[in-house]
């Protein structure tokens, strides 16, 4: 989480003037993280979209659009098709989990 906070576009480079200001900032950050930030580990949907079960429909729409555009202009694609299937369980720190085992 620290890395995400550090690279958040609205990170205050001058720090916080008070504990209340830090709490307010963190509240806004958590909202952004859960509702706006699209996570690569969950196929670029937001955590709330995944939690609410909306990721399956979102990914199906992306696949449909991708295939439509690929059929319209096949010369633009040189790689294989992206896997648009929803993913299963997600580990927070898979590298660390394997080291601990």
Protein backbone atom coordinates (compact mmCIF):
# COMPACT_ATOMS: atom_id res chain seq x y z
CA UNK A 1 0.00 0.00 0.00
CA UNK A 2 2.86 2.40 0.77
CA UNK A 3 4.03 2.37 -2.85
CA UNK A 4 0.51 3.20 -4.05
CA UNK A 5 0.28 6.07 -1.55
CA UNK A 6 3.70 7.34 -2.57
CA UNK A 7 2.79 7.47 -6.27
CA UNK A 8 -0.72 8.81 -5.74
CA UNK A 9 -0.98 11.97 -7.88
CA UNK A 10 -2.26 14.07 -4.99
CA UNK A 11 0.46 13.09 -2.49
CA UNK A 12 1.32 16.29 -0.58
CA UNK A 13 5.08 16.82 -1.10
CA UNK A 14 5.18 19.27 1.81
CA UNK A 15 3.63 16.81 4.25
CA UNK A 16 0.69 17.39 6.55
CA UNK A 17 0.19 20.34 8.87
CA UNK A 18 -1.90 18.41 11.38
CA UNK A 19 -3.22 15.00 12.27
CA UNK A 20 -6.69 16.06 11.14
CA UNK A 21 -5.32 17.10 7.74
CA UNK A 22 -3.57 13.72 7.41
CA UNK A 23 -6.78 11.89 8.34
CA UNK A 24 -8.78 13.91 5.80
CA UNK A 25 -6.20 13.20 3.09
CA UNK A 26 -6.18 9.49 3.91
CA UNK A 27 -9.98 9.33 3.77
CA UNK A 28 -9.89 10.83 0.25
CA UNK A 29 -7.08 8.47 -0.75
CA UNK A 30 -8.99 5.37 0.41
CA UNK A 31 -12.06 6.51 -1.56
CA UNK A 32 -9.95 7.02 -4.69
CA UNK A 33 -8.16 3.69 -4.22
CA UNK A 34 -11.40 1.71 -3.88
CA UNK A 35 -13.59 3.58 -6.37
CA UNK A 36 -11.42 5.17 -9.06
CA UNK A 37 -8.03 3.46 -9.26
CA UNK A 38 -8.02 0.53 -11.66
CA UNK A 39 -5.73 -2.22 -10.40
CA UNK A 40 -3.53 -4.21 -12.73
CA UNK A 41 -3.72 -7.32 -10.50
CA UNK A 42 -7.51 -7.46 -10.96
CA UNK A 43 -7.59 -6.72 -14.71
CA UNK A 44 -7.89 -2.94 -14.38
CA UNK A 45 -11.17 -2.74 -12.53
CA UNK A 46 -11.60 -1.00 -9.19
CA UNK A 47 -11.73 -2.98 -5.94
CA UNK A 48 -15.35 -1.97 -5.42
CA UNK A 49 -16.31 -3.11 -8.92
CA UNK A 50 -14.74 -6.47 -8.19
CA UNK A 51 -16.26 -6.68 -4.72
CA UNK A 52 -19.71 -5.89 -6.12
CA UNK A 53 -19.32 -8.54 -8.84
CA UNK A 54 -19.32 -5.98 -11.65
CA UNK A 55 -15.90 -7.04 -12.98
CA UNK A 56 -17.32 -9.95 -14.98
CA UNK A 57 -19.64 -7.70 -17.01
CA UNK A 58 -16.97 -4.99 -17.41
CA UNK A 59 -14.43 -7.49 -18.70
CA UNK A 60 -16.99 -9.07 -21.05
CA UNK A 61 -17.72 -5.62 -22.55
CA UNK A 62 -14.00 -4.96 -22.94
CA UNK A 63 -13.53 -8.30 -24.69
CA UNK A 64 -16.41 -7.61 -27.06
CA UNK A 65 -15.10 -4.14 -27.96
CA UNK A 66 -11.54 -5.44 -28.30
CA UNK A 67 -12.63 -8.20 -30.67
CA UNK A 68 -14.75 -5.79 -32.71
CA UNK A 69 -11.86 -3.35 -33.15
CA UNK A 70 -9.42 -6.15 -33.83
CA UNK A 71 -11.68 -7.46 -36.61
CA UNK A 72 -12.05 -3.96 -38.07
CA UNK A 73 -8.28 -3.34 -38.16
CA UNK A 74 -6.36 -6.62 -37.79
CA UNK A 75 -3.14 -4.97 -38.98
CA UNK A 76 -2.96 -2.99 -35.73
CA UNK A 77 -2.56 -6.13 -33.60
CA UNK A 78 0.56 -8.23 -33.75
CA UNK A 79 0.23 -9.97 -30.39
CA UNK A 80 -2.23 -12.56 -29.17
CA UNK A 81 -5.52 -11.48 -27.67
CA UNK A 82 -5.61 -10.20 -24.11
CA UNK A 83 -7.09 -12.56 -21.54
CA UNK A 84 -10.28 -10.84 -20.41
CA UNK A 85 -11.42 -13.60 -18.04
CA UNK A 86 -12.03 -12.50 -14.45
CA UNK A 87 -9.35 -13.72 -12.10
CA UNK A 88 -9.82 -15.83 -9.01
CA UNK A 89 -8.36 -15.15 -5.58
CA UNK A 90 -5.78 -12.40 -5.30
CA UNK A 91 -2.80 -12.47 -2.95
CA UNK A 92 -1.62 -9.18 -1.50
CA UNK A 93 2.10 -9.96 -1.63
CA UNK A 94 2.62 -13.19 -3.58
CA UNK A 95 6.42 -12.84 -3.56
CA UNK A 96 6.53 -12.51 0.21
CA UNK A 97 4.00 -15.31 0.72
CA UNK A 98 6.20 -17.72 -1.25
CA UNK A 99 9.32 -16.71 0.69
CA UNK A 100 7.57 -17.33 4.02
CA UNK A 101 6.50 -20.85 3.03
